[in-house]
Every structure is written in structure tokens, then in C-alpha cells.
Amino acid sequence: MLSQADQQRVVAAIKAAEQRTSGEVRVFVESHCRYVEPLDRATQVFTGLKMEQTSARNGVLVYVALRDRQLAIFGDKGIHEKVGPSFWKQQVGTILSHFNKADYAGGIADVVTAIGEALHQHFPYDRENDENELPDDIVFGK
């Protein structure tokens, strides 16, 4: 679904974003969305990956169903309360503008970077106490 170079680009964006925040970003990519509403699937994946278990409730999932051309961004309670729904809507618009040009990795990487900035603003990195609570790799579904 994504070339090896594309995967490396996205993982690099995740690692760079998380270096400046206690927040966690995950990317989940699959071919088809099993739900009519991709946000429902993103919520299911978020819970399945145990992302709600971060200490500050500041995990964010970028969900993409490539063949169905569906996506959603789901932020846990801590970050959602800070940025609000307009931030997520703006990020979906950003990613869609890239996807319309078949720049899937660029869209995902740009959104991860923007999410990282928001997380940094509201949940800055704390060298004394921060730990990487979730893996930085891309999760691939079916």
C-alpha cells in the first residue's frame, strides 16, 4: 500500500513529532474500511491499539483506508479538549489535498507533523518523566 520509502518517511515524521512532546501518534493503514463512517473504524482501532491508556490521554490516531479513499483522525480526550474539532477538520483537509494528488505519504507525514506541533504546544516533552508509551511504526490492517 505504501512503498518502503513512503513508510520510512511516515515513521520519520512520527519519530520527529514525538521527540518534542509527551503525546503519542500512531498511523493505521488498511485497504478497506469496514464501516460506513471512517471515524467509527478509527475509534475501534484506537481502542484496539490501547491508545486510550496513555497517561495524559494525548494519543492521536491517523486512520487511512487507501482503496476506499477514506480517512479519519481521532484524538484522545486530553488533546481533543485542547485543540477542538476545528483542528481535526483542518488536518483532514490537509491530508485530502495531498491524497487528491496521490501523495499519500506526504499527506500523512504533513498531518503527523502538524499534530506533533499541537501536541508539543499542549503537552511538551519532559526529559525527566517522558517515555515512549506506544510504538512509532505504521500499523497495517487487512
C-alpha atoms as a PDB file:
ATOM      1  CA  MET A   1       0.000   0.000   0.000  1.00  0.00           C
ATOM      2  CA  LEU A   2       2.907   2.323   0.763  1.00  0.00           C
ATOM      3  CA  SER A   3       6.380   1.812  -0.656  1.00  0.00           C
ATOM      4  CA  GLN A   4       9.272   1.190   1.702  1.00  0.00           C
ATOM      5  CA  ALA A   5      10.476   4.774   1.142  1.00  0.00           C
ATOM      6  CA  ASP A   6       6.972   6.080   1.883  1.00  0.00           C
ATOM      7  CA  GLN A   7       6.834   4.051   5.080  1.00  0.00           C
ATOM      8  CA  GLN A   8      10.221   5.398   6.176  1.00  0.00           C
ATOM      9  CA  ARG A   9       9.034   8.954   5.503  1.00  0.00           C
ATOM     10  CA  VAL A  10       5.929   8.487   7.675  1.00  0.00           C
ATOM     11  CA  VAL A  11       7.824   6.761  10.506  1.00  0.00           C
ATOM     12  CA  ALA A  12      10.431   9.544  10.440  1.00  0.00           C
ATOM     13  CA  ALA A  13       7.619  12.106  10.797  1.00  0.00           C
ATOM     14  CA  ILE A  14       6.177  10.179  13.756  1.00  0.00           C
ATOM     15  CA  LYS A  15       9.560   9.986  15.499  1.00  0.00           C
ATOM     16  CA  ALA A  16      10.276  13.670  14.888  1.00  0.00           C
ATOM     17  CA  ALA A  17       6.846  14.697  16.181  1.00  0.00           C
ATOM     18  CA  GLU A  18       7.192  12.621  19.328  1.00  0.00           C
ATOM     19  CA  GLN A  19      10.653  13.991  20.175  1.00  0.00           C
ATOM     20  CA  ARG A  20       9.045  17.272  21.228  1.00  0.00           C
ATOM     21  CA  THR A  21       6.010  16.023  23.140  1.00  0.00           C
ATOM     22  CA  SER A  22       4.766  13.522  25.664  1.00  0.00           C
ATOM     23  CA  GLY A  23       1.939  12.786  23.209  1.00  0.00           C
ATOM     24  CA  GLU A  24       1.732   9.700  21.044  1.00  0.00           C
ATOM     25  CA  VAL A  25       0.913   9.476  17.336  1.00  0.00           C
ATOM     26  CA  ARG A  26       0.010   6.262  15.548  1.00  0.00           C
ATOM     27  CA  VAL A  27      -0.795   5.687  11.883  1.00  0.00           C
ATOM     28  CA  PHE A  28      -3.067   2.826  10.846  1.00  0.00           C
ATOM     29  CA  VAL A  29      -3.390   1.960   7.154  1.00  0.00           C
ATOM     30  CA  GLU A  30      -5.640  -0.639   5.567  1.00  0.00           C
ATOM     31  CA  SER A  31      -7.206  -1.208   2.165  1.00  0.00           C
ATOM     32  CA  HIS A  32     -10.887  -1.167   3.030  1.00  0.00           C
ATOM     33  CA  CYS A  33     -12.926   0.442   5.790  1.00  0.00           C
ATOM     34  CA  ARG A  34     -15.463  -1.933   7.309  1.00  0.00           C
ATOM     35  CA  TYR A  35     -17.687   0.912   8.466  1.00  0.00           C
ATOM     36  CA  VAL A  36     -19.757   3.492   6.631  1.00  0.00           C
ATOM     37  CA  GLU A  37     -18.203   6.224   8.767  1.00  0.00           C
ATOM     38  CA  PRO A  38     -14.384   6.018   8.945  1.00  0.00           C
ATOM     39  CA  LEU A  39     -14.362   7.785  12.321  1.00  0.00           C
ATOM     40  CA  ASP A  40     -16.194   4.755  13.763  1.00  0.00           C
ATOM     41  CA  ARG A  41     -13.449   2.490  12.459  1.00  0.00           C
ATOM     42  CA  ALA A  42     -10.755   4.867  13.738  1.00  0.00           C
ATOM     43  CA  THR A  43     -12.341   4.762  17.186  1.00  0.00           C
ATOM     44  CA  GLN A  44     -12.331   0.965  17.114  1.00  0.00           C
ATOM     45  CA  VAL A  45      -8.680   0.854  16.012  1.00  0.00           C
ATOM     46  CA  PHE A  46      -7.715   3.464  18.626  1.00  0.00           C
ATOM     47  CA  THR A  47      -9.149   1.285  21.380  1.00  0.00           C
ATOM     48  CA  GLY A  48      -7.719  -1.896  19.854  1.00  0.00           C
ATOM     49  CA  LEU A  49      -4.238  -0.362  19.929  1.00  0.00           C
ATOM     50  CA  LYS A  50      -4.824   0.628  23.582  1.00  0.00           C
ATOM     51  CA  MET A  51      -4.120   4.257  22.752  1.00  0.00           C
ATOM     52  CA  GLU A  52      -6.509   5.464  25.457  1.00  0.00           C
ATOM     53  CA  GLN A  53      -4.046   4.143  28.024  1.00  0.00           C
ATOM     54  CA  THR A  54      -1.536   6.981  27.662  1.00  0.00           C
ATOM     55  CA  SER A  55      -1.049   8.754  30.970  1.00  0.00           C
ATOM     56  CA  ALA A  56      -2.155  12.191  29.717  1.00  0.00           C
ATOM     57  CA  ARG A  57      -4.802  10.832  27.301  1.00  0.00           C
ATOM     58  CA  ASN A  58      -2.934  12.582  24.492  1.00  0.00           C
ATOM     59  CA  GLY A  59      -2.737   9.881  21.832  1.00  0.00           C
ATOM     60  CA  VAL A  60      -3.742  10.611  18.237  1.00  0.00           C
ATOM     61  CA  LEU A  61      -4.576   8.067  15.549  1.00  0.00           C
ATOM     62  CA  VAL A  62      -4.385   8.847  11.846  1.00  0.00           C
ATOM     63  CA  TYR A  63      -6.587   6.239  10.140  1.00  0.00           C
ATOM     64  CA  VAL A  64      -6.430   5.666   6.372  1.00  0.00           C
ATOM     65  CA  ALA A  65      -8.298   3.165   4.181  1.00  0.00           C
ATOM     66  CA  LEU A  66      -6.410   3.652   0.921  1.00  0.00           C
ATOM     67  CA  ARG A  67      -8.503   1.718  -1.608  1.00  0.00           C
ATOM     68  CA  ASP A  68     -11.749   3.098  -0.186  1.00  0.00           C
ATOM     69  CA  ARG A  69     -10.228   6.590  -0.077  1.00  0.00           C
ATOM     70  CA  GLN A  70     -11.466   7.141   3.463  1.00  0.00           C
ATOM     71  CA  LEU A  71      -9.673   8.604   6.446  1.00  0.00           C
ATOM     72  CA  ALA A  72     -10.214   9.910   9.935  1.00  0.00           C
ATOM     73  CA  ILE A  73      -8.136  11.443  12.687  1.00  0.00           C
ATOM     74  CA  PHE A  74      -9.047  10.555  16.240  1.00  0.00           C
ATOM     75  CA  GLY A  75      -7.555  12.400  19.208  1.00  0.00           C
ATOM     76  CA  ASP A  76      -7.972  11.187  22.763  1.00  0.00           C
ATOM     77  CA  LYS A  77      -9.712  13.276  25.412  1.00  0.00           C
ATOM     78  CA  GLY A  78      -6.630  15.179  26.606  1.00  0.00           C
ATOM     79  CA  ILE A  79      -5.589  16.564  23.217  1.00  0.00           C
ATOM     80  CA  HIS A  80      -9.128  16.890  21.855  1.00  0.00           C
ATOM     81  CA  GLU A  81     -10.070  19.191  24.740  1.00  0.00           C
ATOM     82  CA  LYS A  82      -7.080  21.412  23.870  1.00  0.00           C
ATOM     83  CA  VAL A  83      -7.438  21.686  20.087  1.00  0.00           C
ATOM     84  CA  GLY A  84     -11.144  21.086  19.435  1.00  0.00           C
ATOM     85  CA  PRO A  85     -12.929  19.718  16.368  1.00  0.00           C
ATOM     86  CA  SER A  86     -11.840  22.502  14.017  1.00  0.00           C
ATOM     87  CA  PHE A  87      -8.205  21.389  14.323  1.00  0.00           C
ATOM     88  CA  TRP A  88      -9.061  17.821  13.268  1.00  0.00           C
ATOM     89  CA  LYS A  89     -11.191  19.096  10.382  1.00  0.00           C
ATOM     90  CA  GLN A  90      -8.286  21.252   9.188  1.00  0.00           C
ATOM     91  CA  GLN A  91      -5.922  18.265   9.299  1.00  0.00           C
ATOM     92  CA  VAL A  92      -8.351  16.127   7.305  1.00  0.00           C
ATOM     93  CA  GLY A  93      -8.438  18.901   4.690  1.00  0.00           C
ATOM     94  CA  THR A  94      -4.637  18.944   4.549  1.00  0.00           C
ATOM     95  CA  ILE A  95      -4.354  15.222   4.088  1.00  0.00           C
ATOM     96  CA  LEU A  96      -7.088  15.190   1.438  1.00  0.00           C
ATOM     97  CA  SER A  97      -5.302  17.845  -0.608  1.00  0.00           C
ATOM     98  CA  HIS A  98      -2.254  15.562  -0.727  1.00  0.00           C
ATOM     99  CA  PHE A  99      -4.328  12.447  -1.409  1.00  0.00           C
ATOM    100  CA  ASN A 100      -6.016  14.164  -4.361  1.00  0.00           C
ATOM    101  CA  LYS A 101      -2.540  14.341  -5.918  1.00  0.00           C
ATOM    102  CA  ALA A 102      -1.799  10.684  -4.995  1.00  0.00           C
ATOM    103  CA  ASP A 103       0.777  11.917  -2.459  1.00  0.00           C
ATOM    104  CA  TYR A 104      -0.282   9.571   0.326  1.00  0.00           C
ATOM    105  CA  ALA A 105       2.961   9.519   2.302  1.00  0.00           C
ATOM    106  CA  GLY A 106       3.328  13.298   2.014  1.00  0.00           C
ATOM    107  CA  GLY A 107      -0.192  13.849   3.286  1.00  0.00           C
ATOM    108  CA  ILE A 108       0.236  11.519   6.224  1.00  0.00           C
ATOM    109  CA  ALA A 109       3.675  12.937   7.091  1.00  0.00           C
ATOM    110  CA  ASP A 110       2.461  16.556   6.913  1.00  0.00           C
ATOM    111  CA  VAL A 111      -0.501  15.825   9.165  1.00  0.00           C
ATOM    112  CA  VAL A 112       1.670  13.915  11.645  1.00  0.00           C
ATOM    113  CA  THR A 113       3.982  16.941  11.755  1.00  0.00           C
ATOM    114  CA  ALA A 114       1.063  19.310  12.414  1.00  0.00           C
ATOM    115  CA  ILE A 115      -0.316  17.003  15.094  1.00  0.00           C
ATOM    116  CA  GLY A 116       3.148  16.871  16.638  1.00  0.00           C
ATOM    117  CA  GLU A 117       3.221  20.671  16.797  1.00  0.00           C
ATOM    118  CA  ALA A 118      -0.158  20.775  18.542  1.00  0.00           C
ATOM    119  CA  LEU A 119       0.948  18.081  20.972  1.00  0.00           C
ATOM    120  CA  HIS A 120       4.193  19.978  21.632  1.00  0.00           C
ATOM    121  CA  GLN A 121       2.240  23.157  22.386  1.00  0.00           C
ATOM    122  CA  HIS A 122      -0.099  21.468  24.856  1.00  0.00           C
ATOM    123  CA  PHE A 123       1.991  18.517  26.071  1.00  0.00           C
ATOM    124  CA  PRO A 124       5.674  19.487  25.772  1.00  0.00           C
ATOM    125  CA  TYR A 125       8.384  16.890  26.141  1.00  0.00           C
ATOM    126  CA  ASP A 126       9.538  16.344  29.716  1.00  0.00           C
ATOM    127  CA  ARG A 127      13.007  14.794  29.725  1.00  0.00           C
ATOM    128  CA  GLU A 128      12.672  13.708  33.366  1.00  0.00           C
ATOM    129  CA  ASN A 129       9.410  11.804  33.091  1.00  0.00           C
ATOM    130  CA  ASP A 130       8.585  11.136  29.445  1.00  0.00           C
ATOM    131  CA  GLU A 131       8.630   7.671  27.976  1.00  0.00           C
ATOM    132  CA  ASN A 132       7.588   6.476  24.557  1.00  0.00           C
ATOM    133  CA  GLU A 133       4.372   4.726  25.557  1.00  0.00           C
ATOM    134  CA  LEU A 134       3.474   3.351  22.107  1.00  0.00           C
ATOM    135  CA  PRO A 135       5.485   2.065  19.124  1.00  0.00           C
ATOM    136  CA  ASP A 136       6.278   4.505  16.317  1.00  0.00           C
ATOM    137  CA  ASP A 137       5.750   2.084  13.437  1.00  0.00           C
ATOM    138  CA  ILE A 138       2.863   2.145  10.986  1.00  0.00           C
ATOM    139  CA  VAL A 139       0.193  -0.422  11.745  1.00  0.00           C
ATOM    140  CA  PHE A 140      -1.183  -2.178   8.670  1.00  0.00           C
ATOM    141  CA  GLY A 141      -4.649  -3.735   8.689  1.00  0.00           C
ATOM    142  CA  LYS A 142      -6.123  -6.056   6.113  1.00  0.00           C
END
